């Protein structure tokens, strides 16, 4: 390229630099509003990406508050399930009432009662009548077993048509065991109760011995006088133990524990 050509090119390249200088002078003095706007745009854009020392910086989208030195980071509390203001600690669940618990009975004062307090316990019931000789013999066995098996509920259900007052007077005059030893609860057999028993086994005779589970369901109905050995076997099937059996079991457990961990013998003197 000749020197004349290079001179022309340099003149052309100098034109933009001259224009920029003119715009800067006019914008800085405020003589040209358009030039002032161009200058402001250029300087603000550079300031947004340059620090005071000319180093490139990135402006945050959201301004954060200054963090003090040695400050601990904020910890969000753990989310807890909504608690009812009236919530109470879980109580032990009460046994559910079964058919023979919730049935309507009448006591010997002719008051309506139920056997809800017997829920969760096996029950042994006798369907009987004052005029029935075999029933009286069965009642004697019921009285004896009720004193031995404290965890069971023994109930006498009278079918006497003469009513509860007559039965109450008959019991008072009869030679029954002392109330302190016998735990038989005497009630009247209402039509509802007799219907529940008949669903398990229908019989038109007395005595009848009804074995009821802890859930209040009839497991068996035995017709006629039930001997003591048979009744004890049935009570065992219901999970009941007499006081003597409990004492024997405790003694065995103590002996077994002593055999498993014998006491150290005295060491002979040196």
Protein backbone atom coordinates (compact mmCIF):
# COMPACT_ATOMS: atom_id res chain seq x y z
CA UNK A 1 0.00 0.00 0.00
CA UNK A 2 1.37 3.41 -0.96
CA UNK A 3 1.81 6.22 1.50
CA UNK A 4 -1.03 8.16 -0.05
CA UNK A 5 -3.41 5.29 0.46
CA UNK A 6 -2.34 4.83 4.14
CA UNK A 7 -2.95 8.52 4.74
CA UNK A 8 -6.51 8.24 3.43
CA UNK A 9 -7.22 5.20 5.63
CA UNK A 10 -5.92 6.91 8.76
CA UNK A 11 -8.10 9.94 8.06
CA UNK A 12 -11.17 7.71 7.71
CA UNK A 13 -10.36 5.91 11.01
CA UNK A 14 -9.91 9.23 12.77
CA UNK A 15 -13.46 10.33 11.95
CA UNK A 16 -15.19 8.12 14.68
CA UNK A 17 -12.67 9.21 17.29
CA UNK A 18 -13.32 12.82 16.44
CA UNK A 19 -17.08 12.29 16.66
CA UNK A 20 -16.75 10.64 20.06
CA UNK A 21 -14.70 13.55 21.30
CA UNK A 22 -17.26 16.05 20.03
CA UNK A 23 -20.14 14.10 21.67
CA UNK A 24 -18.21 13.96 24.95
CA UNK A 25 -17.54 17.69 24.95
CA UNK A 26 -21.11 18.67 24.03
CA UNK A 27 -22.62 16.13 26.45
CA UNK A 28 -20.40 17.15 29.33
CA UNK A 29 -21.22 20.83 28.91
CA UNK A 30 -24.93 20.17 28.44
CA UNK A 31 -24.93 21.99 25.11
CA UNK A 32 -26.53 18.99 23.37
CA UNK A 33 -29.26 17.08 25.26
CA UNK A 34 -28.88 14.05 22.99
CA UNK A 35 -25.13 13.95 23.65
CA UNK A 36 -25.76 14.23 27.41
CA UNK A 37 -28.11 11.21 27.28
CA UNK A 38 -25.55 9.14 25.38
CA UNK A 39 -22.84 10.00 27.90
CA UNK A 40 -25.08 9.09 30.88
CA UNK A 41 -25.98 5.70 29.34
CA UNK A 42 -22.35 4.85 28.72
CA UNK A 43 -21.12 5.84 32.18
CA UNK A 44 -23.99 4.08 34.08
CA UNK A 45 -23.49 0.88 32.09
CA UNK A 46 -19.80 0.80 32.84
CA UNK A 47 -20.40 1.51 36.56
CA UNK A 48 -22.78 -1.40 36.84
CA UNK A 49 -20.08 -3.86 35.83
CA UNK A 50 -16.92 -2.14 37.12
CA UNK A 51 -15.85 -1.50 40.65
CA UNK A 52 -14.00 1.49 41.90
CA UNK A 53 -10.74 -0.18 41.01
CA UNK A 54 -11.96 -1.21 37.57
CA UNK A 55 -12.46 -4.87 38.53
CA UNK A 56 -15.48 -6.62 37.05
CA UNK A 57 -18.32 -7.29 39.50
CA UNK A 58 -21.79 -8.90 39.32
CA UNK A 59 -24.66 -7.09 41.05
CA UNK A 60 -27.03 -9.36 42.97
CA UNK A 61 -30.67 -9.57 41.89
CA UNK A 62 -31.86 -8.94 45.47
CA UNK A 63 -29.93 -6.85 47.90
CA UNK A 64 -29.08 -8.92 51.00
CA UNK A 65 -28.57 -7.37 54.43
CA UNK A 66 -25.02 -7.28 55.67
CA UNK A 67 -23.96 -10.29 57.73
CA UNK A 68 -22.29 -9.54 61.01
CA UNK A 69 -19.00 -11.30 61.66
CA UNK A 70 -19.21 -14.49 63.81
CA UNK A 71 -22.98 -14.62 63.23
CA UNK A 72 -24.53 -18.10 63.34
CA UNK A 73 -26.62 -19.16 60.35
CA UNK A 74 -30.36 -19.10 60.93
CA UNK A 75 -31.87 -22.52 61.56
CA UNK A 76 -35.48 -23.11 60.60
CA UNK A 77 -37.54 -24.78 63.30
CA UNK A 78 -38.70 -28.31 62.57
CA UNK A 79 -42.24 -28.57 61.33
CA UNK A 80 -44.46 -30.21 63.92
CA UNK A 81 -47.86 -31.76 63.29
CA UNK A 82 -50.79 -29.69 64.38
CA UNK A 83 -51.72 -30.55 67.95
CA UNK A 84 -55.20 -30.20 69.30
CA UNK A 85 -55.32 -27.89 72.32
CA UNK A 86 -57.54 -30.36 74.14
CA UNK A 87 -55.45 -33.44 73.29
CA UNK A 88 -54.86 -35.77 76.22
CA UNK A 89 -52.32 -38.58 76.70
CA UNK A 90 -53.43 -41.92 75.34
CA UNK A 91 -55.24 -43.82 78.04
CA UNK A 92 -55.35 -47.59 78.28
CA UNK A 93 -58.05 -48.85 75.98
CA UNK A 94 -61.04 -50.28 77.84
CA UNK A 95 -62.25 -53.78 76.86
CA UNK A 96 -65.03 -53.76 74.30
CA UNK A 97 -68.48 -54.90 75.43
CA UNK A 98 -69.73 -58.18 74.04
CA UNK A 99 -73.34 -59.39 73.66
CA UNK A 100 -73.54 -60.87 77.16
CA UNK A 101 -71.98 -57.74 78.69
CA UNK A 102 -74.34 -55.29 77.02
CA UNK A 103 -77.51 -57.35 77.46
CA UNK A 104 -80.21 -56.06 79.80
CA UNK A 105 -80.57 -57.86 83.13
CA UNK A 106 -82.60 -57.17 86.25
CA UNK A 107 -81.24 -57.45 89.75
CA UNK A 108 -83.20 -58.82 92.71
CA UNK A 109 -84.51 -55.29 93.39
CA UNK A 110 -86.03 -55.35 89.86
CA UNK A 111 -83.63 -52.65 88.66
CA UNK A 112 -82.25 -52.75 85.12
CA UNK A 113 -78.51 -53.51 85.11
CA UNK A 114 -75.84 -54.76 82.73
CA UNK A 115 -72.52 -56.56 83.09
CA UNK A 116 -70.29 -53.90 81.54
CA UNK A 117 -67.96 -54.09 84.56
CA UNK A 118 -67.23 -57.72 83.64
CA UNK A 119 -65.85 -56.83 80.20
CA UNK A 120 -62.48 -58.47 79.65
CA UNK A 121 -63.18 -61.25 82.18
CA UNK A 122 -64.50 -64.79 81.60
CA UNK A 123 -68.01 -65.35 82.92
CA UNK A 124 -69.70 -68.52 84.18
CA UNK A 125 -73.48 -68.31 84.35
CA UNK A 126 -76.08 -70.69 85.71
CA UNK A 127 -79.65 -70.64 84.47
CA UNK A 128 -81.62 -71.91 87.46
CA UNK A 129 -84.88 -71.84 89.42
CA UNK A 130 -85.74 -72.04 93.11
CA UNK A 131 -88.05 -75.04 92.59
CA UNK A 132 -85.32 -77.08 90.76
CA UNK A 133 -83.42 -79.53 92.99
CA UNK A 134 -80.53 -80.10 90.51
CA UNK A 135 -80.19 -76.32 90.18
CA UNK A 136 -79.62 -76.02 93.92
CA UNK A 137 -76.83 -78.62 93.75
CA UNK A 138 -75.29 -76.75 90.82
CA UNK A 139 -75.46 -73.48 92.78
CA UNK A 140 -73.42 -75.06 95.58
CA UNK A 141 -70.61 -75.84 93.10
CA UNK A 142 -70.88 -72.32 91.65
CA UNK A 143 -70.50 -70.80 95.12
CA UNK A 144 -67.43 -72.91 95.87
CA UNK A 145 -65.66 -72.15 92.58
CA UNK A 146 -66.46 -68.43 92.74
CA UNK A 147 -64.49 -68.20 95.98
CA UNK A 148 -61.47 -69.96 94.42
CA UNK A 149 -61.35 -68.33 90.97
CA UNK A 150 -61.20 -64.64 91.78
CA UNK A 151 -60.55 -63.53 88.19
CA UNK A 152 -63.79 -65.01 86.89
CA UNK A 153 -67.30 -63.57 87.12
CA UNK A 154 -69.94 -66.01 88.37
CA UNK A 155 -73.59 -65.14 87.75
CA UNK A 156 -76.80 -66.89 88.78
CA UNK A 157 -79.69 -66.20 86.37
CA UNK A 158 -83.06 -67.07 87.86
CA UNK A 159 -85.97 -67.99 85.58
CA UNK A 160 -88.51 -67.92 88.42
CA UNK A 161 -91.85 -66.56 87.24
CA UNK A 162 -92.70 -65.39 90.76
CA UNK A 163 -90.33 -62.47 90.33
CA UNK A 164 -87.14 -61.07 91.85
CA UNK A 165 -88.56 -60.42 95.32
CA UNK A 166 -89.54 -64.07 95.71
CA UNK A 167 -86.04 -65.17 94.61
CA UNK A 168 -84.47 -62.68 97.02
CA UNK A 169 -86.50 -64.06 99.93
CA UNK A 170 -85.68 -67.65 98.96
CA UNK A 171 -81.94 -66.93 98.90
CA UNK A 172 -82.14 -65.22 102.31
CA UNK A 173 -83.82 -68.28 103.83
CA UNK A 174 -81.66 -70.92 102.12
CA UNK A 175 -78.41 -72.26 103.57
CA UNK A 176 -76.12 -70.59 101.07
CA UNK A 177 -72.43 -69.84 101.83
CA UNK A 178 -71.48 -66.58 103.46
CA UNK A 179 -71.40 -63.58 101.08
CA UNK A 180 -67.80 -63.05 102.18
CA UNK A 181 -66.76 -66.33 100.51
CA UNK A 182 -69.28 -66.69 97.69
CA UNK A 183 -69.00 -64.22 94.82
CA UNK A 184 -71.97 -65.34 92.78
CA UNK A 185 -73.93 -62.37 91.46
CA UNK A 186 -77.65 -63.16 91.45
CA UNK A 187 -79.78 -61.64 88.69
CA UNK A 188 -82.99 -62.37 86.82
CA UNK A 189 -82.82 -63.90 83.35
CA UNK A 190 -84.64 -61.44 81.09
CA UNK A 191 -86.17 -62.53 77.75
CA UNK A 192 -83.24 -60.86 75.94
CA UNK A 193 -80.68 -62.91 77.87
CA UNK A 194 -82.61 -66.16 77.40
CA UNK A 195 -82.82 -65.44 73.68
CA UNK A 196 -79.03 -65.00 73.46
CA UNK A 197 -78.50 -68.33 75.26
CA UNK A 198 -81.03 -70.11 73.03
CA UNK A 199 -79.15 -68.99 69.92
CA UNK A 200 -76.15 -70.99 71.12
CA UNK A 201 -78.16 -73.98 72.35
CA UNK A 202 -81.92 -74.18 72.72
CA UNK A 203 -83.14 -76.26 75.67
CA UNK A 204 -86.27 -76.00 77.76
CA UNK A 205 -84.71 -77.36 80.93
CA UNK A 206 -82.64 -76.13 83.87
CA UNK A 207 -79.99 -76.04 85.13
CA UNK A 208 -77.83 -74.76 82.30
CA UNK A 209 -74.24 -73.60 82.71
CA UNK A 210 -73.13 -70.97 80.21
CA UNK A 211 -69.43 -70.31 79.62
CA UNK A 212 -68.73 -66.81 78.29
CA UNK A 213 -65.43 -65.56 76.85
CA UNK A 214 -63.63 -62.36 77.83
CA UNK A 215 -65.22 -60.74 74.76
CA UNK A 216 -68.72 -61.46 76.07
CA UNK A 217 -69.45 -64.23 73.57
CA UNK A 218 -71.05 -67.54 74.56
CA UNK A 219 -68.58 -70.38 74.04
CA UNK A 220 -70.58 -73.30 75.41
CA UNK A 221 -73.91 -74.16 77.04
CA UNK A 222 -73.93 -77.30 79.20
CA UNK A 223 -77.29 -78.86 80.10
CA UNK A 224 -77.84 -80.47 83.48
CA UNK A 225 -75.67 -80.55 86.60
CA UNK A 226 -71.99 -80.08 85.79
CA UNK A 227 -69.59 -81.83 88.13
CA UNK A 228 -66.78 -79.95 89.81
CA UNK A 229 -63.93 -81.65 87.84
CA UNK A 230 -65.61 -80.84 84.52
CA UNK A 231 -66.19 -77.23 85.52
CA UNK A 232 -62.58 -76.82 86.64
CA UNK A 233 -61.44 -78.08 83.23
CA UNK A 234 -63.75 -75.58 81.52
CA UNK A 235 -62.42 -72.78 83.72
CA UNK A 236 -58.90 -73.73 82.70
CA UNK A 237 -59.96 -73.51 79.05
CA UNK A 238 -61.19 -69.99 79.78
CA UNK A 239 -57.72 -69.08 81.06
CA UNK A 240 -58.65 -68.97 84.74
CA UNK A 241 -56.54 -70.17 87.64
CA UNK A 242 -57.56 -70.72 91.22
CA UNK A 243 -55.83 -68.95 94.08
CA UNK A 244 -54.07 -72.22 95.00
CA UNK A 245 -52.82 -72.66 91.41
CA UNK A 246 -51.48 -69.10 91.36
CA UNK A 247 -49.63 -69.65 94.63
CA UNK A 248 -48.13 -72.91 93.30
CA UNK A 249 -47.01 -71.18 90.09
CA UNK A 250 -45.34 -68.39 92.06
CA UNK A 251 -43.51 -70.92 94.23
CA UNK A 252 -42.26 -72.78 91.14
CA UNK A 253 -41.08 -69.54 89.57
CA UNK A 254 -39.17 -68.59 92.70
CA UNK A 255 -37.49 -72.00 92.86
CA UNK A 256 -36.57 -71.83 89.19
CA UNK A 257 -35.08 -68.36 89.61
CA UNK A 258 -33.08 -69.51 92.64
CA UNK A 259 -31.72 -72.53 90.73
CA UNK A 260 -30.70 -70.38 87.77
CA UNK A 261 -28.85 -67.85 89.96
CA UNK A 262 -27.68 -69.57 93.15
CA UNK A 263 -26.36 -67.42 95.97
CA UNK A 264 -22.54 -67.49 96.33
CA UNK A 265 -21.34 -69.87 99.02
CA UNK A 266 -19.27 -68.59 101.93
CA UNK A 267 -15.58 -68.82 101.19
CA UNK A 268 -13.53 -70.79 103.78
CA UNK A 269 -11.33 -68.71 106.02
CA UNK A 270 -7.62 -68.71 105.04
